C-alpha atoms as a PDB file:
ATOM      1  CA  MET A   1      22.625 -43.874  31.908  1.00  0.00           C
ATOM      2  CA  ASN A   2      20.366 -43.624  28.927  1.00  0.00           C
ATOM      3  CA  ASP A   3      19.909 -40.006  27.746  1.00  0.00           C
ATOM      4  CA  LEU A   4      16.889 -38.868  25.817  1.00  0.00           C
ATOM      5  CA  PRO A   5      17.581 -38.349  22.149  1.00  0.00           C
ATOM      6  CA  LEU A   6      17.821 -34.740  21.042  1.00  0.00           C
ATOM      7  CA  LEU A   7      14.607 -34.970  19.020  1.00  0.00           C
ATOM      8  CA  GLU A   8      12.637 -36.057  22.097  1.00  0.00           C
ATOM      9  CA  LEU A   9      14.073 -33.141  24.107  1.00  0.00           C
ATOM     10  CA  PHE A  10      12.970 -30.706  21.423  1.00  0.00           C
ATOM     11  CA  GLY A  11       9.546 -32.344  21.391  1.00  0.00           C
ATOM     12  CA  LEU A  12       9.178 -31.963  25.144  1.00  0.00           C
ATOM     13  CA  ALA A  13      10.329 -28.335  24.965  1.00  0.00           C
ATOM     14  CA  ALA A  14       7.798 -27.622  22.216  1.00  0.00           C
ATOM     15  CA  LEU A  15       5.051 -29.309  24.214  1.00  0.00           C
ATOM     16  CA  ALA A  16       5.954 -27.295  27.326  1.00  0.00           C
ATOM     17  CA  GLY A  17       5.978 -24.098  25.260  1.00  0.00           C
ATOM     18  CA  GLY A  18       2.568 -24.931  23.816  1.00  0.00           C
ATOM     19  CA  VAL A  19       1.108 -25.567  27.270  1.00  0.00           C
ATOM     20  CA  TRP A  20       2.566 -22.266  28.529  1.00  0.00           C
ATOM     21  CA  LEU A  21       1.121 -20.382  25.526  1.00  0.00           C
ATOM     22  CA  TRP A  22      -2.291 -21.974  26.047  1.00  0.00           C
ATOM     23  CA  LEU A  23      -2.423 -21.135  29.778  1.00  0.00           C
ATOM     24  CA  ASP A  24      -1.080 -17.613  29.196  1.00  0.00           C
ATOM     25  CA  SER A  25      -3.670 -17.061  26.462  1.00  0.00           C
ATOM     26  CA  LEU A  26      -6.499 -18.177  28.754  1.00  0.00           C
ATOM     27  CA  ARG A  27      -5.410 -15.593  31.336  1.00  0.00           C
ATOM     28  CA  ALA A  28      -5.104 -12.859  28.679  1.00  0.00           C
ATOM     29  CA  ARG A  29      -8.536 -13.768  27.287  1.00  0.00           C
ATOM     30  CA  ASP A  30     -10.076 -13.398  30.754  1.00  0.00           C
ATOM     31  CA  ILE A  31      -8.489  -9.944  31.037  1.00  0.00           C
ATOM     32  CA  GLY A  32      -9.863  -9.047  27.591  1.00  0.00           C
ATOM     33  CA  ILE A  33     -13.374 -10.186  28.542  1.00  0.00           C
ATOM     34  CA  ALA A  34     -13.268  -8.160  31.766  1.00  0.00           C
ATOM     35  CA  ALA A  35     -12.082  -5.051  29.873  1.00  0.00           C
ATOM     36  CA  ALA A  36     -14.776  -5.406  27.191  1.00  0.00           C
ATOM     37  CA  ARG A  37     -17.469  -6.008  29.809  1.00  0.00           C
ATOM     38  CA  SER A  38     -16.357  -2.987  31.835  1.00  0.00           C
ATOM     39  CA  ALA A  39     -16.278  -0.721  28.768  1.00  0.00           C
ATOM     40  CA  CYS A  40     -19.721  -1.854  27.659  1.00  0.00           C
ATOM     41  CA  GLU A  41     -21.166  -1.255  31.125  1.00  0.00           C
ATOM     42  CA  ALA A  42     -19.597   2.215  31.266  1.00  0.00           C
ATOM     43  CA  GLU A  43     -21.106   3.136  27.886  1.00  0.00           C
ATOM     44  CA  ASP A  44     -24.488   1.504  28.622  1.00  0.00           C
ATOM     45  CA  LEU A  45     -23.938  -1.118  25.923  1.00  0.00           C
ATOM     46  CA  GLN A  46     -24.677  -4.833  25.927  1.00  0.00           C
ATOM     47  CA  LEU A  47     -21.704  -7.188  25.456  1.00  0.00           C
ATOM     48  CA  LEU A  48     -23.032  -9.899  23.161  1.00  0.00           C
ATOM     49  CA  ASP A  49     -22.100 -13.557  23.683  1.00  0.00           C
ATOM     50  CA  ASP A  50     -20.201 -12.445  26.827  1.00  0.00           C
ATOM     51  CA  THR A  51     -16.853 -13.310  25.237  1.00  0.00           C
ATOM     52  CA  VAL A  52     -13.997 -12.128  23.034  1.00  0.00           C
ATOM     53  CA  ALA A  53     -12.313 -13.898  20.124  1.00  0.00           C
ATOM     54  CA  ILE A  54      -8.637 -13.758  19.223  1.00  0.00           C
ATOM     55  CA  GLY A  55      -8.090 -11.758  16.064  1.00  0.00           C
ATOM     56  CA  ASN A  56      -4.318 -11.359  16.020  1.00  0.00           C
ATOM     57  CA  LEU A  57      -1.311 -12.627  17.961  1.00  0.00           C
ATOM     58  CA  ARG A  58       2.206 -11.344  17.392  1.00  0.00           C
ATOM     59  CA  PRO A  59       5.345 -10.414  19.293  1.00  0.00           C
ATOM     60  CA  ALA A  60       5.820  -6.745  20.218  1.00  0.00           C
ATOM     61  CA  ARG A  61       7.989  -4.689  22.540  1.00  0.00           C
ATOM     62  CA  ASP A  62       6.731  -2.673  25.490  1.00  0.00           C
ATOM     63  CA  GLU A  63       8.040   0.744  26.631  1.00  0.00           C
ATOM     64  CA  ASP A  64      10.985  -0.909  28.383  1.00  0.00           C
ATOM     65  CA  GLY A  65      11.972  -2.887  25.288  1.00  0.00           C
ATOM     66  CA  ARG A  66      10.805  -6.265  26.640  1.00  0.00           C
ATOM     67  CA  LEU A  67       9.452  -8.701  24.080  1.00  0.00           C
ATOM     68  CA  LEU A  68       5.831  -9.608  24.877  1.00  0.00           C
ATOM     69  CA  LEU A  69       2.852 -11.048  23.056  1.00  0.00           C
ATOM     70  CA  ARG A  70       0.450  -8.495  21.576  1.00  0.00           C
ATOM     71  CA  ARG A  71      -3.041  -9.937  21.323  1.00  0.00           C
ATOM     72  CA  THR A  72      -5.981  -8.338  19.572  1.00  0.00           C
ATOM     73  CA  TYR A  73      -9.366  -9.640  20.656  1.00  0.00           C
ATOM     74  CA  THR A  74     -12.608  -8.794  18.905  1.00  0.00           C
ATOM     75  CA  PHE A  75     -16.057  -8.767  20.423  1.00  0.00           C
ATOM     76  CA  GLU A  76     -19.578  -7.749  19.524  1.00  0.00           C
ATOM     77  CA  TYR A  77     -21.844  -5.414  21.414  1.00  0.00           C
ATOM     78  CA  SER A  78     -25.251  -3.839  20.908  1.00  0.00           C
ATOM     79  CA  ASP A  79     -26.364  -0.300  21.596  1.00  0.00           C
ATOM     80  CA  THR A  80     -30.047  -0.882  20.848  1.00  0.00           C
ATOM     81  CA  GLY A  81     -30.499  -4.559  21.691  1.00  0.00           C
ATOM     82  CA  ASP A  82     -31.342  -5.581  18.127  1.00  0.00           C
ATOM     83  CA  ASN A  83     -28.078  -4.943  16.282  1.00  0.00           C
ATOM     84  CA  ARG A  84     -24.466  -6.107  16.384  1.00  0.00           C
ATOM     85  CA  ARG A  85     -21.468  -3.805  16.348  1.00  0.00           C
ATOM     86  CA  SER A  86     -17.804  -4.761  16.457  1.00  0.00           C
ATOM     87  CA  GLY A  87     -15.313  -3.748  19.109  1.00  0.00           C
ATOM     88  CA  SER A  88     -11.778  -4.727  19.955  1.00  0.00           C
ATOM     89  CA  VAL A  89      -9.353  -4.829  22.847  1.00  0.00           C
ATOM     90  CA  ILE A  90      -5.568  -4.964  22.452  1.00  0.00           C
ATOM     91  CA  LEU A  91      -3.371  -6.419  25.172  1.00  0.00           C
ATOM     92  CA  LEU A  92       0.389  -6.177  25.393  1.00  0.00           C
ATOM     93  CA  GLY A  93       1.323  -8.997  27.697  1.00  0.00           C
ATOM     94  CA  HIS A  94      -1.488  -8.862  30.254  1.00  0.00           C
ATOM     95  CA  ARG A  95      -2.003  -5.095  30.088  1.00  0.00           C
ATOM     96  CA  VAL A  96      -4.818  -3.476  28.108  1.00  0.00           C
ATOM     97  CA  VAL A  97      -3.304  -0.862  25.795  1.00  0.00           C
ATOM     98  CA  LEU A  98      -6.310  -0.049  23.591  1.00  0.00           C
ATOM     99  CA  LEU A  99     -10.026  -0.638  23.840  1.00  0.00           C
ATOM    100  CA  ASN A 100     -12.393   0.254  21.017  1.00  0.00           C
ATOM    101  CA  VAL A 101     -16.166   0.058  21.207  1.00  0.00           C
ATOM    102  CA  GLY A 102     -16.552   1.610  17.766  1.00  0.00           C
ATOM    103  CA  LEU A 103     -18.333   4.687  16.624  1.00  0.00           C
ATOM    104  CA  ARG A 104     -21.976   5.187  17.235  1.00  0.00           C
ATOM    105  CA  PRO A 105     -23.902   6.555  14.284  1.00  0.00           C
ATOM    106  CA  ALA A 106     -25.051  10.123  14.684  1.00  0.00           C
ATOM    107  CA  PRO A 107     -28.778  10.753  14.418  1.00  0.00           C
ATOM    108  CA  VAL A 108     -29.816  11.636  10.903  1.00  0.00           C
ATOM    109  CA  PRO A 109     -31.367  15.109  10.745  1.00  0.00           C
ATOM    110  CA  VAL A 110     -34.807  15.327   9.221  1.00  0.00           C
ATOM    111  CA  TYR A 111     -35.105  17.951   6.522  1.00  0.00           C
ATOM    112  CA  ARG A 112     -38.551  19.132   5.487  1.00  0.00           C
ATOM    113  CA  THR A 113     -39.274  21.107   2.418  1.00  0.00           C
ATOM    114  CA  LEU A 114     -41.644  24.001   2.597  1.00  0.00           C
ATOM    115  CA  HIS A 115     -44.056  23.867  -0.378  1.00  0.00           C
END
């Protein structure tokens, strides 16, 4: 029986790991898009480009000490329809742990001088 060389086994394991990461990231991205869309609808904002982009990917532990992937996705939204503001959504595994639609600027008071 002809066994696969060790290098080929490592190559197949790396390929399988890459495929798993890609499929897992697609699922997490869909969760991030749904969370951003829901937050924008709740705040009467427009989610621009209808997507999120990966900003950061790193290992992190959850409350139970399990090692998961922590993904930070960024997105853009508009509150007036003619501007772009940045937001972000952080997932730990496939659970949303933080969603930020940024700060809205406060209206600038108008001061009038009496002369």
